[in-house]
Amino acid sequence: MQPFRVHTGVALPLDRNNVDTDALIPKQFLKRVERTGFGQFLFHNWRFHLDGSVNRDFILNQPTYQKSSVLVGGRNFGCGSSREHAPWALCDYGFRAVIAPYFADIFASNSAQNGLLLVSLPEEQVNDLLARLKQNPGGKVTVDLEKCVVTDETGFHATFTYDPFRRHCLLEGLDDIGLTLQHEPEIAAYEARRR
């Protein structure tokens, strides 16, 4: 897993509540078993019309936002089914962090396991940040996990809390396998004793 310390990127202001996992990655694209290749299907039903043509009205299709790597959304982001493909799609597209007032629990757990930082801020602060981003299209947001701070180019500043264990794992780039491999000498010693 890629460590997350400090990231600055173009922010996508997705001012919608209850963005569910089927909106993030529709069910028809869940046939792959690897974690890559899902980015092209992110928000598919919003990015494309039924005939397959590009929906120019959807914000992610606008040239200003096509290289976005920080998403700012509404409350209850990631609700719906527990598909791990949702954070896979966000990460594969290039997003490193999502900022919202509240995240669905299973989505939050899956995101942490896959190196996607979810920052929960009070709704008033998220609304302030969304308003600033709408006034400054293509504006960049910095998410600092080391200091637990979110800032932007217009003077926005907010602190956040993050679970200490998950924070350690993200800072060090440790998924479950990486955590296990930290105990490799003890595992090898145990296996040697078992022989």
Protein backbone atom coordinates (compact mmCIF):
# COMPACT_ATOMS: atom_id res chain seq x y z
CA MET A 1 0.00 0.00 0.00
CA GLN A 2 1.30 3.46 -0.86
CA PRO A 3 1.99 5.50 2.30
CA PHE A 4 -0.08 8.61 2.84
CA ARG A 5 1.63 11.51 4.59
CA VAL A 6 0.81 14.82 2.87
CA HIS A 7 -1.05 15.16 -0.40
CA THR A 8 -1.92 18.25 -2.43
CA GLY A 9 -4.19 17.93 -5.43
CA VAL A 10 -6.99 19.43 -7.46
CA ALA A 11 -10.20 19.07 -5.47
CA LEU A 12 -13.44 17.82 -7.00
CA PRO A 13 -16.44 19.48 -5.30
CA LEU A 14 -19.11 16.77 -5.49
CA ASP A 15 -21.89 18.46 -3.55
CA ARG A 16 -24.17 15.43 -3.20
CA ASN A 17 -25.37 13.55 -0.12
CA ASN A 18 -25.77 9.78 0.07
CA VAL A 19 -23.36 8.91 -2.75
CA ASP A 20 -23.61 5.14 -2.60
CA THR A 21 -21.18 2.46 -3.69
CA ASP A 22 -23.29 1.60 -6.75
CA ALA A 23 -22.85 5.21 -7.94
CA LEU A 24 -19.11 4.92 -7.29
CA ILE A 25 -18.75 1.64 -9.19
CA PRO A 26 -21.90 0.16 -10.77
CA LYS A 27 -22.56 -3.54 -10.27
CA GLN A 28 -21.96 -4.54 -13.88
CA PHE A 29 -18.23 -3.76 -13.46
CA LEU A 30 -17.63 -6.01 -10.45
CA LYS A 31 -16.43 -8.99 -12.49
CA ARG A 32 -12.71 -8.33 -12.10
CA VAL A 33 -10.76 -9.98 -9.29
CA GLU A 34 -7.71 -7.70 -9.28
CA ARG A 35 -7.75 -4.23 -7.70
CA THR A 36 -6.78 -2.37 -10.85
CA GLY A 37 -8.73 -1.27 -13.89
CA PHE A 38 -11.76 0.08 -12.02
CA GLY A 39 -10.93 3.78 -12.37
CA GLN A 40 -12.36 3.95 -15.88
CA PHE A 41 -15.74 2.88 -14.46
CA LEU A 42 -15.82 5.33 -11.53
CA PHE A 43 -19.17 7.19 -11.46
CA HIS A 44 -19.95 5.46 -14.77
CA ASN A 45 -23.70 6.04 -14.70
CA TRP A 46 -23.12 9.75 -14.03
CA ARG A 47 -20.17 10.20 -16.39
CA PHE A 48 -21.86 8.57 -19.39
CA HIS A 49 -25.31 8.62 -20.97
CA LEU A 50 -27.16 5.37 -21.68
CA ASP A 51 -25.91 5.42 -25.28
CA GLY A 52 -22.30 5.53 -24.00
CA SER A 53 -21.68 9.17 -24.90
CA VAL A 54 -19.90 11.39 -22.39
CA ASN A 55 -22.11 13.42 -20.05
CA ARG A 56 -20.40 16.81 -20.31
CA ASP A 57 -22.55 18.14 -17.47
CA PHE A 58 -21.04 15.80 -14.88
CA ILE A 59 -18.28 17.61 -13.03
CA LEU A 60 -15.63 14.89 -13.36
CA ASN A 61 -15.90 15.13 -17.16
CA GLN A 62 -15.05 18.82 -17.15
CA PRO A 63 -11.40 19.42 -18.14
CA THR A 64 -10.72 21.38 -14.94
CA TYR A 65 -11.46 18.33 -12.80
CA GLN A 66 -10.26 15.34 -14.82
CA LYS A 67 -6.99 15.16 -12.86
CA SER A 68 -8.63 15.58 -9.46
CA SER A 69 -7.08 13.64 -6.59
CA VAL A 70 -9.06 15.00 -3.61
CA LEU A 71 -12.84 14.58 -3.55
CA VAL A 72 -15.03 16.78 -1.34
CA GLY A 73 -18.50 15.32 -0.93
CA GLY A 74 -21.68 15.45 1.09
CA ARG A 75 -22.79 13.49 4.12
CA ASN A 76 -23.15 9.70 4.15
CA PHE A 77 -20.57 9.19 1.41
CA GLY A 78 -20.03 5.53 0.49
CA CYS A 79 -23.36 4.22 1.77
CA GLY A 80 -24.99 1.18 0.21
CA SER A 81 -23.46 -2.24 -0.34
CA SER A 82 -20.14 -3.24 1.15
CA ARG A 83 -18.26 -3.63 -2.14
CA GLU A 84 -14.53 -3.07 -1.74
CA HIS A 85 -14.47 -2.15 -5.42
CA ALA A 86 -15.63 1.38 -4.50
CA PRO A 87 -12.34 2.47 -2.91
CA TRP A 88 -10.49 0.47 -5.58
CA ALA A 89 -12.21 2.57 -8.27
CA LEU A 90 -11.47 5.85 -6.48
CA CYS A 91 -7.80 4.92 -5.97
CA ASP A 92 -7.38 3.58 -9.49
CA TYR A 93 -8.80 6.81 -10.93
CA GLY A 94 -6.23 8.76 -8.92
CA PHE A 95 -8.04 9.94 -5.80
CA ARG A 96 -5.94 9.89 -2.63
CA ALA A 97 -8.40 11.45 -0.18
CA VAL A 98 -12.11 12.07 0.28
CA ILE A 99 -13.44 14.77 2.59
CA ALA A 100 -17.05 14.63 3.80
CA PRO A 101 -19.10 15.11 6.97
CA TYR A 102 -19.80 11.40 7.41
CA PHE A 103 -18.82 8.11 5.78
CA ALA A 104 -20.55 4.75 5.83
CA ASP A 105 -18.68 2.43 8.22
CA ILE A 106 -17.91 -0.44 5.85
CA PHE A 107 -16.78 1.97 3.12
CA ALA A 108 -14.51 3.67 5.68
CA SER A 109 -12.96 0.36 6.70
CA ASN A 110 -12.45 -0.75 3.08
CA SER A 111 -10.90 2.62 2.20
CA ALA A 112 -8.39 2.49 5.04
CA GLN A 113 -7.39 -1.03 3.97
CA ASN A 114 -6.67 0.25 0.47
CA GLY A 115 -4.77 3.46 1.22
CA LEU A 116 -7.61 5.92 0.59
CA LEU A 117 -7.75 8.54 3.33
CA LEU A 118 -11.24 9.55 4.43
CA VAL A 119 -11.37 12.83 6.33
CA SER A 120 -14.51 13.54 8.31
CA LEU A 121 -15.11 17.23 9.02
CA PRO A 122 -18.17 18.96 10.50
CA GLU A 123 -20.81 19.68 7.87
CA GLU A 124 -20.35 23.45 8.22
CA GLN A 125 -16.65 23.14 7.39
CA VAL A 126 -17.32 20.85 4.44
CA ASN A 127 -19.93 23.30 3.13
CA ASP A 128 -17.43 26.15 3.53
CA LEU A 129 -14.80 24.20 1.61
CA LEU A 130 -17.30 23.28 -1.12
CA ALA A 131 -18.29 26.95 -1.50
CA ARG A 132 -14.65 27.99 -1.76
CA LEU A 133 -13.96 25.33 -4.38
CA LYS A 134 -16.96 26.41 -6.44
CA GLN A 135 -15.61 29.97 -6.40
CA ASN A 136 -12.12 28.71 -7.30
CA PRO A 137 -12.56 25.96 -9.97
CA GLY A 138 -9.52 23.72 -10.15
CA GLY A 139 -8.40 24.85 -6.69
CA LYS A 140 -6.04 22.61 -4.79
CA VAL A 141 -6.53 21.15 -1.34
CA THR A 142 -3.77 19.83 0.91
CA VAL A 143 -4.51 16.94 3.24
CA ASP A 144 -1.81 16.44 5.85
CA LEU A 145 -2.18 13.18 7.76
CA GLU A 146 0.97 13.82 9.77
CA LYS A 147 -0.53 16.98 11.31
CA CYS A 148 -4.21 16.02 10.73
CA VAL A 149 -4.91 19.27 8.90
CA VAL A 150 -6.81 20.20 5.70
CA THR A 151 -5.99 23.49 3.95
CA ASP A 152 -6.64 25.10 0.60
CA GLU A 153 -5.32 28.02 -1.46
CA THR A 154 -7.99 30.44 -0.21
CA GLY A 155 -7.16 30.20 3.49
CA PHE A 156 -9.40 27.31 4.51
CA HIS A 157 -7.97 25.50 7.53
CA ALA A 158 -9.48 22.60 9.48
CA THR A 159 -8.13 19.98 11.82
CA PHE A 160 -9.43 16.43 11.96
CA THR A 161 -9.06 13.35 14.10
CA TYR A 162 -8.26 9.92 12.74
CA ASP A 163 -8.12 6.51 14.35
CA PRO A 164 -4.52 6.13 15.66
CA PHE A 165 -4.08 2.56 14.39
CA ARG A 166 -5.42 3.36 10.91
CA ARG A 167 -3.35 6.55 10.87
CA HIS A 168 -0.19 4.56 11.64
CA CYS A 169 -1.00 2.05 8.89
CA LEU A 170 -1.63 4.78 6.30
CA LEU A 171 1.46 6.77 7.26
CA GLU A 172 3.60 3.64 6.93
CA GLY A 173 1.75 2.12 3.94
CA LEU A 174 0.79 -1.02 5.83
CA ASP A 175 -2.15 -3.15 4.79
CA ASP A 176 -2.95 -6.44 6.59
CA ILE A 177 -0.18 -8.27 4.76
CA GLY A 178 2.32 -5.51 5.52
CA LEU A 179 1.35 -5.61 9.19
CA THR A 180 1.84 -9.37 9.25
CA LEU A 181 5.23 -9.13 7.55
CA GLN A 182 6.44 -6.87 10.36
CA HIS A 183 6.47 -10.06 12.44
CA GLU A 184 8.39 -12.11 9.89
CA PRO A 185 11.25 -13.06 12.28
CA GLU A 186 8.76 -14.35 14.87
CA ILE A 187 6.84 -16.22 12.18
CA ALA A 188 10.04 -17.81 10.86
CA ALA A 189 11.08 -18.81 14.39
CA TYR A 190 7.67 -20.36 15.02
CA GLU A 191 7.82 -22.28 11.74
CA ALA A 192 11.31 -23.52 12.58
CA ARG A 193 10.10 -24.79 15.98
CA ARG A 194 7.14 -26.56 14.35
CA ARG A 195 9.45 -28.57 12.07
